[in-house]
Amino acid sequence: MESLLIFVNIALAVILVIVILLQRSEGGALGLGVSQDNFTSTRSVGTFLTKFTSIVAALFIICSIAIVAISRDEFRETQSVLEKEEEENSNLPQIPKSN
């Protein structure tokens, strides 16, 4: 389950980067190059990309939180390092103490 969420999270991150790069910047430097001659106006494309970016970003954050929650549950079941060392030492043969 965790590996599936990690794969989805990576895919969402790639999609998010691509969608952000497709958006028209304030100066138009990294814009898609949409001209006024197209059927869709620049404003409608901008609002679609803005909404799509918001949805993908929200899914990315939710997926990241889910991965952290799953990972924390796995670590809560384990013991501390000191408790593990005490268990390992109890299984070893003991050195007799001299009086």
N, C-alpha and C. Protein backbone atom coordinates (compact mmCIF):
# COMPACT_ATOMS: atom_id res chain seq x y z
N MET A 1 0.82 -1.19 0.00
CA MET A 1 0.00 0.00 0.00
C MET A 1 0.87 1.26 0.00
N GLU A 2 1.93 1.20 0.79
CA GLU A 2 2.81 2.36 0.89
C GLU A 2 3.53 2.62 -0.43
N SER A 3 3.96 1.56 -1.10
CA SER A 3 4.67 1.75 -2.37
C SER A 3 3.73 2.30 -3.45
N LEU A 4 2.46 1.92 -3.41
CA LEU A 4 1.49 2.48 -4.34
C LEU A 4 1.29 3.97 -4.10
N LEU A 5 1.19 4.36 -2.83
CA LEU A 5 1.04 5.78 -2.50
C LEU A 5 2.28 6.58 -2.89
N ILE A 6 3.45 6.00 -2.74
CA ILE A 6 4.68 6.69 -3.14
C ILE A 6 4.70 6.89 -4.65
N PHE A 7 4.28 5.86 -5.41
CA PHE A 7 4.22 5.98 -6.86
C PHE A 7 3.22 7.07 -7.28
N VAL A 8 2.05 7.09 -6.65
CA VAL A 8 1.04 8.11 -6.94
C VAL A 8 1.57 9.49 -6.58
N ASN A 9 2.28 9.60 -5.47
CA ASN A 9 2.83 10.89 -5.04
C ASN A 9 3.87 11.41 -6.03
N ILE A 10 4.71 10.53 -6.54
CA ILE A 10 5.70 10.94 -7.53
C ILE A 10 5.02 11.36 -8.83
N ALA A 11 4.00 10.62 -9.24
CA ALA A 11 3.26 10.99 -10.45
C ALA A 11 2.58 12.34 -10.28
N LEU A 12 1.98 12.58 -9.12
CA LEU A 12 1.35 13.88 -8.87
C LEU A 12 2.37 15.01 -8.87
N ALA A 13 3.56 14.74 -8.34
CA ALA A 13 4.61 15.76 -8.33
C ALA A 13 5.03 16.12 -9.75
N VAL A 14 5.18 15.13 -10.61
CA VAL A 14 5.56 15.39 -12.00
C VAL A 14 4.46 16.17 -12.71
N ILE A 15 3.21 15.75 -12.51
CA ILE A 15 2.08 16.46 -13.13
C ILE A 15 2.02 17.89 -12.63
N LEU A 16 2.25 18.09 -11.35
CA LEU A 16 2.21 19.44 -10.77
C LEU A 16 3.29 20.34 -11.37
N VAL A 17 4.47 19.81 -11.55
CA VAL A 17 5.56 20.60 -12.15
C VAL A 17 5.21 20.97 -13.59
N ILE A 18 4.68 20.01 -14.34
CA ILE A 18 4.33 20.28 -15.75
C ILE A 18 3.23 21.32 -15.84
N VAL A 19 2.20 21.20 -15.00
CA VAL A 19 1.08 22.15 -15.05
C VAL A 19 1.54 23.54 -14.64
N ILE A 20 2.42 23.63 -13.67
CA ILE A 20 2.92 24.94 -13.26
C ILE A 20 3.75 25.58 -14.38
N LEU A 21 4.54 24.77 -15.07
CA LEU A 21 5.34 25.32 -16.17
C LEU A 21 4.49 25.72 -17.37
N LEU A 22 3.31 25.12 -17.53
CA LEU A 22 2.43 25.48 -18.63
C LEU A 22 1.71 26.79 -18.40
N GLN A 23 1.61 27.21 -17.17
CA GLN A 23 0.87 28.43 -16.87
C GLN A 23 1.63 29.65 -17.36
N ARG A 24 0.87 30.64 -17.72
CA ARG A 24 1.45 31.89 -18.19
C ARG A 24 1.92 32.68 -16.96
N SER A 25 3.17 33.09 -17.03
CA SER A 25 3.70 33.86 -15.92
C SER A 25 3.27 35.31 -16.07
N GLU A 26 3.62 36.13 -15.10
CA GLU A 26 3.25 37.55 -15.14
C GLU A 26 3.82 38.22 -16.39
N GLY A 27 5.06 37.88 -16.73
CA GLY A 27 5.68 38.48 -17.88
C GLY A 27 5.48 37.69 -19.16
N GLY A 28 4.94 36.49 -19.05
CA GLY A 28 4.72 35.65 -20.22
C GLY A 28 5.97 34.92 -20.67
N ALA A 29 6.99 34.83 -19.84
CA ALA A 29 8.25 34.21 -20.25
C ALA A 29 8.12 32.70 -20.42
N LEU A 30 7.44 32.02 -19.51
CA LEU A 30 7.30 30.58 -19.60
C LEU A 30 5.90 30.17 -20.03
N GLY A 31 5.17 31.06 -20.62
CA GLY A 31 3.79 30.78 -21.01
C GLY A 31 3.71 29.79 -22.15
N LEU A 32 2.53 29.32 -22.40
CA LEU A 32 2.29 28.34 -23.44
C LEU A 32 2.34 28.97 -24.82
N GLY A 33 2.20 30.26 -24.89
CA GLY A 33 2.24 30.95 -26.16
C GLY A 33 0.88 30.98 -26.84
N VAL A 34 -0.18 31.02 -26.08
CA VAL A 34 -1.53 31.04 -26.63
C VAL A 34 -1.80 32.42 -27.20
N SER A 35 -2.18 32.46 -28.44
CA SER A 35 -2.48 33.76 -29.05
C SER A 35 -3.97 34.04 -28.96
N GLN A 36 -4.36 35.24 -29.31
CA GLN A 36 -5.76 35.63 -29.26
C GLN A 36 -6.55 35.01 -30.41
N ASP A 37 -5.90 34.42 -31.38
CA ASP A 37 -6.58 33.84 -32.53
C ASP A 37 -7.20 32.48 -32.23
N ASN A 38 -6.83 31.86 -31.12
CA ASN A 38 -7.35 30.55 -30.78
C ASN A 38 -8.81 30.63 -30.35
N PHE A 39 -9.46 29.47 -30.34
CA PHE A 39 -10.87 29.42 -29.96
C PHE A 39 -11.07 29.71 -28.48
N THR A 40 -10.13 29.27 -27.66
CA THR A 40 -10.25 29.53 -26.23
C THR A 40 -9.50 30.80 -25.90
N SER A 41 -10.08 31.56 -25.03
CA SER A 41 -9.40 32.79 -24.66
C SER A 41 -8.30 32.49 -23.66
N THR A 42 -7.41 33.41 -23.52
CA THR A 42 -6.30 33.25 -22.59
C THR A 42 -6.80 33.17 -21.16
N ARG A 43 -7.85 33.90 -20.87
CA ARG A 43 -8.39 33.91 -19.51
C ARG A 43 -8.98 32.56 -19.15
N SER A 44 -9.72 31.93 -20.05
CA SER A 44 -10.34 30.64 -19.74
C SER A 44 -9.29 29.55 -19.58
N VAL A 45 -8.24 29.60 -20.41
CA VAL A 45 -7.15 28.64 -20.26
C VAL A 45 -6.45 28.86 -18.93
N GLY A 46 -6.25 30.11 -18.56
CA GLY A 46 -5.60 30.43 -17.29
C GLY A 46 -6.40 29.96 -16.10
N THR A 47 -7.70 30.14 -16.13
CA THR A 47 -8.51 29.71 -14.99
C THR A 47 -8.57 28.19 -14.92
N PHE A 48 -8.60 27.51 -16.09
CA PHE A 48 -8.60 26.05 -16.07
C PHE A 48 -7.30 25.53 -15.47
N LEU A 49 -6.18 26.08 -15.92
CA LEU A 49 -4.88 25.63 -15.40
C LEU A 49 -4.74 25.95 -13.91
N THR A 50 -5.29 27.09 -13.50
CA THR A 50 -5.21 27.46 -12.09
C THR A 50 -6.01 26.49 -11.23
N LYS A 51 -7.21 26.17 -11.68
CA LYS A 51 -8.05 25.21 -10.92
C LYS A 51 -7.42 23.82 -10.93
N PHE A 52 -6.90 23.41 -12.07
CA PHE A 52 -6.27 22.09 -12.16
C PHE A 52 -5.04 22.02 -11.27
N THR A 53 -4.26 23.09 -11.22
CA THR A 53 -3.10 23.15 -10.34
C THR A 53 -3.50 23.03 -8.88
N SER A 54 -4.58 23.71 -8.51
CA SER A 54 -5.06 23.65 -7.13
C SER A 54 -5.50 22.24 -6.76
N ILE A 55 -6.19 21.57 -7.67
CA ILE A 55 -6.66 20.20 -7.40
C ILE A 55 -5.48 19.24 -7.27
N VAL A 56 -4.52 19.34 -8.19
CA VAL A 56 -3.35 18.44 -8.15
C VAL A 56 -2.52 18.72 -6.90
N ALA A 57 -2.38 19.98 -6.52
CA ALA A 57 -1.62 20.32 -5.32
C ALA A 57 -2.31 19.77 -4.07
N ALA A 58 -3.63 19.87 -4.01
CA ALA A 58 -4.36 19.33 -2.86
C ALA A 58 -4.22 17.81 -2.79
N LEU A 59 -4.31 17.13 -3.92
CA LEU A 59 -4.12 15.67 -3.95
C LEU A 59 -2.70 15.29 -3.53
N PHE A 60 -1.72 16.08 -3.96
CA PHE A 60 -0.33 15.83 -3.59
C PHE A 60 -0.14 15.95 -2.08
N ILE A 61 -0.72 16.97 -1.48
CA ILE A 61 -0.59 17.17 -0.03
C ILE A 61 -1.30 16.06 0.73
N ILE A 62 -2.50 15.68 0.28
CA ILE A 62 -3.24 14.59 0.95
C ILE A 62 -2.47 13.28 0.85
N CYS A 63 -1.91 13.00 -0.32
CA CYS A 63 -1.14 11.78 -0.51
C CYS A 63 0.12 11.78 0.36
N SER A 64 0.77 12.92 0.48
CA SER A 64 1.97 13.02 1.32
C SER A 64 1.64 12.78 2.78
N ILE A 65 0.53 13.34 3.25
CA ILE A 65 0.11 13.14 4.64
C ILE A 65 -0.25 11.68 4.88
N ALA A 66 -0.88 11.03 3.89
CA ALA A 66 -1.23 9.61 4.04
C ALA A 66 0.03 8.75 4.13
N ILE A 67 1.05 9.09 3.35
CA ILE A 67 2.30 8.32 3.41
C ILE A 67 2.95 8.47 4.78
N VAL A 68 2.95 9.67 5.32
CA VAL A 68 3.53 9.90 6.65
C VAL A 68 2.74 9.14 7.70
N ALA A 69 1.41 9.14 7.61
CA ALA A 69 0.59 8.44 8.59
C ALA A 69 0.83 6.94 8.55
N ILE A 70 0.96 6.39 7.36
CA ILE A 70 1.22 4.95 7.24
C ILE A 70 2.61 4.62 7.78
N SER A 71 3.59 5.46 7.46
CA SER A 71 4.96 5.22 7.93
C SER A 71 5.05 5.30 9.45
N ARG A 72 4.35 6.23 10.06
CA ARG A 72 4.39 6.37 11.52
C ARG A 72 3.77 5.16 12.20
N ASP A 73 2.71 4.59 11.62
CA ASP A 73 2.10 3.40 12.21
C ASP A 73 3.05 2.22 12.20
N GLU A 74 3.85 2.09 11.15
CA GLU A 74 4.82 1.01 11.10
C GLU A 74 5.93 1.19 12.13
N PHE A 75 6.35 2.43 12.38
CA PHE A 75 7.42 2.67 13.33
C PHE A 75 6.94 2.57 14.77
N ARG A 76 5.67 2.77 15.03
CA ARG A 76 5.17 2.67 16.40
C ARG A 76 5.18 1.24 16.91
N GLU A 77 5.09 0.29 16.01
CA GLU A 77 5.09 -1.11 16.42
C GLU A 77 6.47 -1.60 16.83
N THR A 78 7.51 -0.95 16.40
CA THR A 78 8.86 -1.39 16.73
C THR A 78 9.26 -0.90 18.12
N GLN A 79 10.27 -1.53 18.65
CA GLN A 79 10.77 -1.17 19.97
C GLN A 79 11.90 -0.17 19.81
N SER A 80 12.29 0.39 20.94
CA SER A 80 13.42 1.30 20.89
C SER A 80 14.71 0.51 20.73
N VAL A 81 15.77 1.19 20.41
CA VAL A 81 17.06 0.54 20.19
C VAL A 81 17.55 -0.09 21.48
N LEU A 82 17.36 0.57 22.61
CA LEU A 82 17.82 0.02 23.89
C LEU A 82 17.07 -1.25 24.26
N GLU A 83 15.75 -1.28 24.00
CA GLU A 83 14.98 -2.48 24.30
C GLU A 83 15.41 -3.64 23.42
N LYS A 84 15.71 -3.38 22.16
CA LYS A 84 16.19 -4.44 21.27
C LYS A 84 17.54 -4.97 21.72
N GLU A 85 18.42 -4.07 22.18
CA GLU A 85 19.74 -4.49 22.63
C GLU A 85 19.64 -5.34 23.89
N GLU A 86 18.74 -4.99 24.80
CA GLU A 86 18.55 -5.79 26.00
C GLU A 86 18.04 -7.18 25.66
N GLU A 87 17.13 -7.29 24.69
CA GLU A 87 16.64 -8.59 24.28
C GLU A 87 17.75 -9.42 23.64
N GLU A 88 18.58 -8.79 22.82
CA GLU A 88 19.68 -9.51 22.18
C GLU A 88 20.69 -9.97 23.22
N ASN A 89 20.97 -9.15 24.22
CA ASN A 89 21.93 -9.52 25.26
C ASN A 89 21.39 -10.62 26.15
N SER A 90 20.09 -10.70 26.34
CA SER A 90 19.53 -11.74 27.20
C SER A 90 19.61 -13.10 26.52
N ASN A 91 19.67 -13.14 25.20
CA ASN A 91 19.77 -14.40 24.48
C ASN A 91 21.21 -14.92 24.41
N LEU A 92 22.18 -14.06 24.65
CA LEU A 92 23.58 -14.46 24.60
C LEU A 92 23.96 -15.20 25.88
N PRO A 93 24.92 -16.10 25.79
CA PRO A 93 25.38 -16.75 27.02
C PRO A 93 26.04 -15.73 27.95
N GLN A 94 25.76 -15.86 29.22
CA GLN A 94 26.27 -14.91 30.21
C GLN A 94 27.66 -15.34 30.68
N ILE A 95 28.50 -14.37 30.90
CA ILE A 95 29.85 -14.62 31.43
C ILE A 95 29.71 -14.79 32.94
N PRO A 96 30.25 -15.89 33.48
CA PRO A 96 30.14 -16.09 34.93
C PRO A 96 30.92 -15.04 35.68
N LYS A 97 30.30 -14.56 36.74
CA LYS A 97 30.96 -13.53 37.56
C LYS A 97 31.82 -14.21 38.61
N SER A 98 33.01 -13.66 38.81
CA SER A 98 33.90 -14.23 39.83
C SER A 98 33.68 -13.47 41.14
N ASN A 99 33.76 -14.19 42.22
CA ASN A 99 33.59 -13.59 43.54
C ASN A 99 34.85 -13.20 44.17
